[in-house]
Amino acid sequence: EALRRSGAHAAVVTALRRGQNDSSYCAALCGVLAQLSCGEGEQSALLATEAVPLLVEMYEDALLGIDSVSSTAMGHIGTLLSNCALGALSSRDALVALGAEEALDAADGDAAELAAMPPLEVVGRMRACPHSAMQQLRGCHRLLEIIG
């Protein structure tokens, strides 16, 4: 909450715009934004920066890469856009209208993989990505099915 009030989202997006030519730097900043996209207030601050078109462009550029940095950036961007799509302030349709469909589909697919995993792997995946709301939701549903 303190980071949101201090303008952290806008600062990270500004740094992202300035450093677009450095893929490692951008992937790290996308990771920061993904971690700052969990709550409604954080999503509001992120959406206020009007960064979605930039993030979509970065996602599309990362699709062309075959390195781990590109893959990491895509994962972070998908997570933060998915979190925003699940939030009360935006919708999947609004983000798709801005070109985010491919990133959202990939994030949904990553979370859907949990349906076939045994319990320990589900918990491990949930621990590995605590800021992905979709993975947390699907993981909880999977664990409830197992306990069932």
Protein backbone atom coordinates (compact mmCIF):
# COMPACT_ATOMS: atom_id res chain seq x y z
CA GLU A 1 0.00 0.00 0.00
CA ALA A 2 2.81 2.39 0.87
CA LEU A 3 4.48 1.69 -2.47
CA ARG A 4 1.27 2.48 -4.31
CA ARG A 5 0.81 5.76 -2.44
CA SER A 6 4.40 6.76 -3.10
CA GLY A 7 4.03 6.38 -6.87
CA ALA A 8 6.07 3.20 -7.27
CA HIS A 9 3.97 1.94 -10.19
CA ALA A 10 4.47 5.11 -12.19
CA ALA A 11 8.20 5.11 -11.41
CA VAL A 12 8.61 1.51 -12.57
CA VAL A 13 6.63 2.14 -15.76
CA THR A 14 8.73 5.25 -16.48
CA ALA A 15 11.90 3.21 -16.00
CA LEU A 16 10.44 0.52 -18.26
CA ARG A 17 9.76 3.04 -21.02
CA ARG A 18 13.28 4.45 -20.75
CA GLY A 19 15.02 1.07 -20.68
CA GLN A 20 13.16 -0.76 -23.43
CA ASN A 21 16.36 -1.68 -25.25
CA ASP A 22 17.73 -3.75 -22.35
CA SER A 23 15.79 -7.02 -22.20
CA SER A 24 17.18 -8.15 -18.83
CA TYR A 25 16.37 -4.80 -17.25
CA CYS A 26 12.85 -4.88 -18.71
CA ALA A 27 12.23 -8.45 -17.55
CA ALA A 28 13.25 -7.47 -14.02
CA LEU A 29 10.98 -4.43 -14.06
CA CYS A 30 8.09 -6.52 -15.39
CA GLY A 31 8.68 -8.86 -12.46
CA VAL A 32 8.39 -5.92 -10.08
CA LEU A 33 5.14 -4.82 -11.72
CA ALA A 34 3.77 -8.37 -11.54
CA GLN A 35 4.41 -8.39 -7.80
CA LEU A 36 2.76 -4.97 -7.55
CA SER A 37 -0.42 -6.09 -9.33
CA CYS A 38 -2.12 -8.27 -6.74
CA GLY A 39 -4.54 -5.91 -5.01
CA GLU A 40 -7.21 -3.61 -6.35
CA GLY A 41 -5.32 -0.48 -5.33
CA GLU A 42 -2.17 -1.75 -7.00
CA GLN A 43 -4.09 -2.62 -10.17
CA SER A 44 -5.64 0.84 -10.17
CA ALA A 45 -2.21 2.44 -9.91
CA LEU A 46 -0.88 0.24 -12.70
CA LEU A 47 -3.83 0.90 -15.02
CA ALA A 48 -3.51 4.65 -14.32
CA THR A 49 -0.04 4.60 -15.89
CA GLU A 50 -1.59 3.51 -19.19
CA ALA A 51 1.17 0.93 -19.49
CA VAL A 52 -0.94 -1.86 -21.03
CA PRO A 53 -0.08 -1.00 -24.68
CA LEU A 54 3.62 -0.86 -23.76
CA LEU A 55 3.38 -4.21 -21.96
CA VAL A 56 1.56 -5.77 -24.92
CA GLU A 57 4.29 -4.51 -27.26
CA MET A 58 6.98 -5.90 -24.96
CA TYR A 59 5.16 -9.25 -24.78
CA GLU A 60 4.97 -9.43 -28.57
CA ASP A 61 8.68 -8.57 -28.85
CA ALA A 62 9.52 -11.26 -26.29
CA LEU A 63 7.60 -13.83 -28.36
CA LEU A 64 10.30 -13.45 -30.99
CA GLY A 65 13.06 -14.22 -28.49
CA ILE A 66 14.24 -17.73 -27.72
CA ASP A 67 16.20 -16.94 -24.58
CA SER A 68 15.27 -17.30 -20.93
CA VAL A 69 15.02 -13.53 -20.47
CA SER A 70 12.26 -13.32 -23.09
CA SER A 71 10.44 -16.22 -21.48
CA THR A 72 10.73 -14.61 -18.05
CA ALA A 73 9.42 -11.27 -19.33
CA MET A 74 6.48 -12.99 -21.01
CA GLY A 75 5.60 -14.80 -17.79
CA HIS A 76 5.71 -11.61 -15.73
CA ILE A 77 3.66 -9.63 -18.26
CA GLY A 78 1.09 -12.41 -18.51
CA THR A 79 0.78 -12.57 -14.73
CA LEU A 80 0.26 -8.86 -14.23
CA LEU A 81 -2.24 -8.57 -17.09
CA SER A 82 -4.08 -11.64 -15.78
CA ASN A 83 -4.21 -10.11 -12.30
CA CYS A 84 -5.67 -6.92 -13.77
CA ALA A 85 -8.22 -8.92 -15.79
CA LEU A 86 -9.38 -10.66 -12.61
CA GLY A 87 -9.65 -7.42 -10.66
CA ALA A 88 -12.73 -5.29 -10.20
CA LEU A 89 -11.28 -2.29 -12.04
CA SER A 90 -10.75 -3.84 -15.44
CA SER A 91 -12.01 -6.73 -17.45
CA ARG A 92 -10.51 -9.25 -19.80
CA ASP A 93 -12.45 -7.65 -22.66
CA ALA A 94 -10.97 -4.22 -21.93
CA LEU A 95 -7.46 -5.66 -21.91
CA VAL A 96 -8.11 -7.71 -25.06
CA ALA A 97 -9.23 -4.51 -26.77
CA LEU A 98 -5.75 -3.16 -25.99
CA GLY A 99 -4.13 -6.21 -27.61
CA ALA A 100 -3.45 -8.34 -24.52
CA GLU A 101 -5.33 -11.48 -25.62
CA GLU A 102 -2.26 -13.59 -26.36
CA ALA A 103 -0.60 -12.76 -23.03
CA LEU A 104 -3.84 -13.43 -21.14
CA ASP A 105 -4.35 -16.77 -22.92
CA ALA A 106 -0.80 -17.84 -22.07
CA ALA A 107 -1.25 -16.91 -18.40
CA ASP A 108 -4.56 -18.79 -18.30
CA GLY A 109 -2.88 -21.82 -19.89
CA ASP A 110 -0.09 -21.79 -17.31
CA ALA A 111 -2.65 -21.76 -14.51
CA ALA A 112 -4.74 -24.48 -16.21
CA GLU A 113 -1.78 -26.88 -16.07
CA LEU A 114 -2.48 -27.22 -12.34
CA ALA A 115 -5.56 -29.35 -13.08
CA ALA A 116 -3.45 -32.42 -13.84
CA MET A 117 -0.81 -32.01 -11.14
CA PRO A 118 -0.51 -34.02 -7.94
CA PRO A 119 -0.95 -32.08 -4.67
CA LEU A 120 2.71 -31.44 -3.88
CA GLU A 121 3.38 -30.05 -7.34
CA VAL A 122 0.31 -27.80 -7.05
CA VAL A 123 1.56 -26.41 -3.75
CA GLY A 124 5.05 -25.97 -5.20
CA ARG A 125 3.68 -24.04 -8.18
CA MET A 126 1.56 -21.86 -5.89
CA ARG A 127 4.59 -21.08 -3.71
CA ALA A 128 6.73 -20.29 -6.74
CA CYS A 129 4.32 -17.66 -8.04
CA PRO A 130 2.42 -16.19 -5.08
CA HIS A 131 1.56 -13.00 -6.98
CA SER A 132 -0.37 -14.81 -9.73
CA ALA A 133 -4.01 -14.59 -8.73
CA MET A 134 -5.09 -17.02 -11.45
CA GLN A 135 -2.61 -19.67 -10.33
CA GLN A 136 -3.63 -19.22 -6.71
CA LEU A 137 -7.32 -19.60 -7.59
CA ARG A 138 -6.82 -22.62 -9.81
CA GLY A 139 -4.43 -24.17 -7.30
CA CYS A 140 -6.98 -23.81 -4.50
CA HIS A 141 -9.66 -25.34 -6.70
CA ARG A 142 -7.37 -28.24 -7.57
CA LEU A 143 -6.53 -28.87 -3.92
CA LEU A 144 -10.23 -28.78 -3.04
CA GLU A 145 -10.91 -31.35 -5.77
CA ILE A 146 -8.22 -33.60 -4.36
CA ILE A 147 -9.44 -33.24 -0.79
CA GLY A 148 -12.93 -33.42 -1.97
